[in-house]
Amino acid sequence: MSDPARALTGGCNCGAVRFEVGEPLQSALACWCRRCQRRTGTGGGPNARTARGSFRLLGEETAVGVWDPGDGGWEKVFCNRCGSQICSRDPGDRAKVSVRFGAFDGDPGIRISAHQFTAYAAPWGQPPDDGLPRYPERAPADAGGSHATE
């Protein structure tokens, strides 16, 4: 980690899983896909992309659960004790991580810049009319999509 005094921290509800991000966040998107809806119980959710290799899991290793959707989608990391969602990571390069905004201890210091997978938004949980770009599928790399290159 580059500077512990500046690291962002976060974790789960029960405290068994903790994390830190040692570099400024790179981008943030709100995802409206069906998978995120089912993971969170909401219409969609904001995720912050970390600089490659700047995310570090802390806490009890045995409390960390990982679900791989098996279709090339990013792995979902959660606390297997309390169920809190922590982050998603690229199964081909686990140094690429996007953290759920709600998992941070405080303000992550970044705001979403676009909405992705809006074609799948639930009728009861639509993206807000906030003037940000909307992508019916995955946001392109230049908009912070998960296939962005560092």
Protein backbone atom coordinates (compact mmCIF):
# COMPACT_ATOMS: atom_id res chain seq x y z
CA MET A 1 0.00 0.00 0.00
CA SER A 2 1.33 3.40 -0.86
CA ASP A 3 0.38 5.48 2.21
CA PRO A 4 -1.47 3.88 5.15
CA ALA A 5 -2.61 7.29 6.38
CA ARG A 6 -4.45 7.85 3.10
CA ALA A 7 -5.79 4.33 2.63
CA LEU A 8 -9.53 3.88 2.29
CA THR A 9 -10.89 1.19 4.58
CA GLY A 10 -14.05 -0.83 4.82
CA GLY A 11 -15.56 -4.14 5.66
CA CYS A 12 -18.60 -6.25 6.40
CA ASN A 13 -21.34 -5.84 8.99
CA CYS A 14 -19.93 -8.33 11.50
CA GLY A 15 -16.31 -7.12 11.21
CA ALA A 16 -14.81 -10.46 10.17
CA VAL A 17 -13.83 -9.20 6.70
CA ARG A 18 -11.96 -5.92 6.35
CA PHE A 19 -10.12 -4.31 3.45
CA GLU A 20 -8.03 -1.33 2.49
CA VAL A 21 -7.42 0.50 -0.77
CA GLY A 22 -4.03 2.19 -0.82
CA GLU A 23 -4.36 4.35 -3.95
CA PRO A 24 -7.04 6.75 -5.21
CA LEU A 25 -10.05 5.08 -6.83
CA GLN A 26 -9.99 5.09 -10.63
CA SER A 27 -13.66 5.27 -11.62
CA ALA A 28 -17.17 4.58 -10.37
CA LEU A 29 -20.28 3.25 -12.09
CA ALA A 30 -23.78 2.29 -11.05
CA CYS A 31 -24.68 -1.19 -12.28
CA TRP A 32 -28.29 -2.14 -13.02
CA CYS A 33 -27.76 -5.76 -14.10
CA ARG A 34 -29.92 -8.60 -12.80
CA ARG A 35 -26.94 -10.19 -11.06
CA CYS A 36 -26.30 -7.04 -8.99
CA GLN A 37 -30.01 -6.77 -8.22
CA ARG A 38 -30.02 -10.26 -6.77
CA ARG A 39 -26.75 -9.76 -4.87
CA THR A 40 -27.90 -6.57 -3.20
CA GLY A 41 -31.67 -6.79 -3.06
CA THR A 42 -31.81 -3.34 -4.70
CA GLY A 43 -32.45 -2.02 -8.20
CA GLY A 44 -28.78 -1.32 -8.77
CA GLY A 45 -25.66 -0.26 -7.00
CA PRO A 46 -22.54 1.86 -7.22
CA ASN A 47 -19.11 0.25 -7.50
CA ALA A 48 -15.70 1.93 -7.39
CA ARG A 49 -12.85 0.61 -9.50
CA THR A 50 -9.53 0.40 -7.66
CA ALA A 51 -6.11 0.97 -9.14
CA ARG A 52 -4.72 -2.40 -10.15
CA GLY A 53 -3.17 -4.11 -7.12
CA SER A 54 -4.19 -1.43 -4.59
CA PHE A 55 -6.95 -3.48 -2.91
CA ARG A 56 -6.07 -5.74 0.01
CA LEU A 57 -8.37 -8.05 1.97
CA LEU A 58 -7.78 -8.10 5.73
CA GLY A 59 -9.44 -9.81 8.65
CA GLU A 60 -10.38 -13.45 8.98
CA GLU A 61 -9.45 -15.37 5.85
CA THR A 62 -11.97 -18.11 6.67
CA ALA A 63 -14.80 -15.53 6.60
CA VAL A 64 -14.17 -14.56 2.97
CA GLY A 65 -16.56 -16.17 0.52
CA VAL A 66 -16.21 -16.04 -3.26
CA TRP A 67 -18.82 -16.81 -5.89
CA ASP A 68 -17.66 -17.29 -9.48
CA PRO A 69 -20.62 -17.04 -11.86
CA GLY A 70 -18.73 -19.32 -14.25
CA ASP A 71 -19.59 -17.34 -17.36
CA GLY A 72 -16.62 -14.97 -17.46
CA GLY A 73 -18.34 -12.49 -15.16
CA TRP A 74 -16.37 -11.09 -12.26
CA GLU A 75 -16.13 -13.10 -9.03
CA LYS A 76 -18.23 -11.78 -6.14
CA VAL A 77 -16.45 -11.49 -2.78
CA PHE A 78 -18.55 -11.42 0.39
CA CYS A 79 -18.49 -12.25 4.09
CA ASN A 80 -19.72 -15.80 4.49
CA ARG A 81 -20.77 -15.05 8.07
CA CYS A 82 -22.97 -11.96 7.73
CA GLY A 83 -23.49 -11.96 3.95
CA SER A 84 -22.17 -8.44 3.31
CA GLN A 85 -21.05 -7.82 -0.27
CA ILE A 86 -17.49 -6.49 -0.42
CA CYS A 87 -16.27 -6.37 -4.01
CA SER A 88 -16.07 -7.99 -7.42
CA ARG A 89 -12.83 -9.05 -9.07
CA ASP A 90 -11.71 -10.20 -12.48
CA PRO A 91 -11.26 -14.00 -12.37
CA GLY A 92 -8.47 -13.72 -14.94
CA ASP A 93 -6.62 -11.00 -13.03
CA ARG A 94 -7.61 -10.74 -9.37
CA ALA A 95 -5.65 -7.49 -9.03
CA LYS A 96 -8.58 -5.83 -10.89
CA VAL A 97 -11.21 -5.05 -8.26
CA SER A 98 -14.40 -3.00 -7.97
CA VAL A 99 -15.61 -2.26 -4.43
CA ARG A 100 -19.25 -1.86 -3.43
CA PHE A 101 -19.75 1.73 -2.22
CA GLY A 102 -21.65 0.51 0.83
CA ALA A 103 -18.65 -1.51 2.01
CA PHE A 104 -16.46 1.58 2.59
CA ASP A 105 -16.20 2.91 6.15
CA GLY A 106 -16.60 6.50 4.96
CA ASP A 107 -16.90 8.61 1.84
CA PRO A 108 -14.82 6.94 -0.89
CA GLY A 109 -14.11 10.37 -2.40
CA ILE A 110 -15.47 9.52 -5.86
CA ARG A 111 -18.91 9.72 -7.47
CA ILE A 112 -20.44 7.59 -10.17
CA SER A 113 -19.86 8.84 -13.70
CA ALA A 114 -22.24 6.55 -15.63
CA HIS A 115 -24.90 3.85 -15.41
CA GLN A 116 -24.34 0.44 -17.04
CA PHE A 117 -26.67 -2.46 -17.90
CA THR A 118 -29.64 -0.10 -17.84
CA ALA A 119 -31.54 -2.43 -20.22
CA TYR A 120 -31.94 -4.76 -17.22
CA ALA A 121 -33.11 -2.18 -14.67
CA ALA A 122 -36.07 -3.40 -12.64
CA PRO A 123 -39.36 -1.58 -13.21
CA TRP A 124 -39.42 -0.76 -9.47
CA GLY A 125 -35.80 0.47 -9.33
CA GLN A 126 -34.85 2.63 -12.30
CA PRO A 127 -31.63 4.67 -12.67
CA PRO A 128 -32.15 8.26 -11.55
CA ASP A 129 -32.56 11.06 -14.06
CA ASP A 130 -29.19 12.57 -13.16
CA GLY A 131 -27.82 13.46 -16.59
CA LEU A 132 -25.05 10.84 -16.44
CA PRO A 133 -24.39 8.62 -19.47
CA ARG A 134 -26.45 5.44 -19.65
CA TYR A 135 -25.31 2.25 -21.33
CA PRO A 136 -27.86 -0.51 -22.01
CA GLU A 137 -25.06 -3.09 -21.69
CA ARG A 138 -21.55 -2.91 -20.16
CA ALA A 139 -20.06 0.58 -20.09
CA PRO A 140 -17.13 0.96 -22.51
CA ALA A 141 -13.59 0.99 -21.14
CA ASP A 142 -13.21 4.74 -21.70
CA ALA A 143 -16.25 5.28 -19.45
CA GLY A 144 -14.82 3.12 -16.65
CA GLY A 145 -16.33 -0.20 -17.72
CA SER A 146 -14.90 -3.38 -16.23
CA HIS A 147 -12.80 -4.07 -19.28
CA ALA A 148 -10.88 -0.82 -18.91
CA THR A 149 -7.13 -1.19 -19.18
CA GLU A 150 -4.72 0.31 -16.69
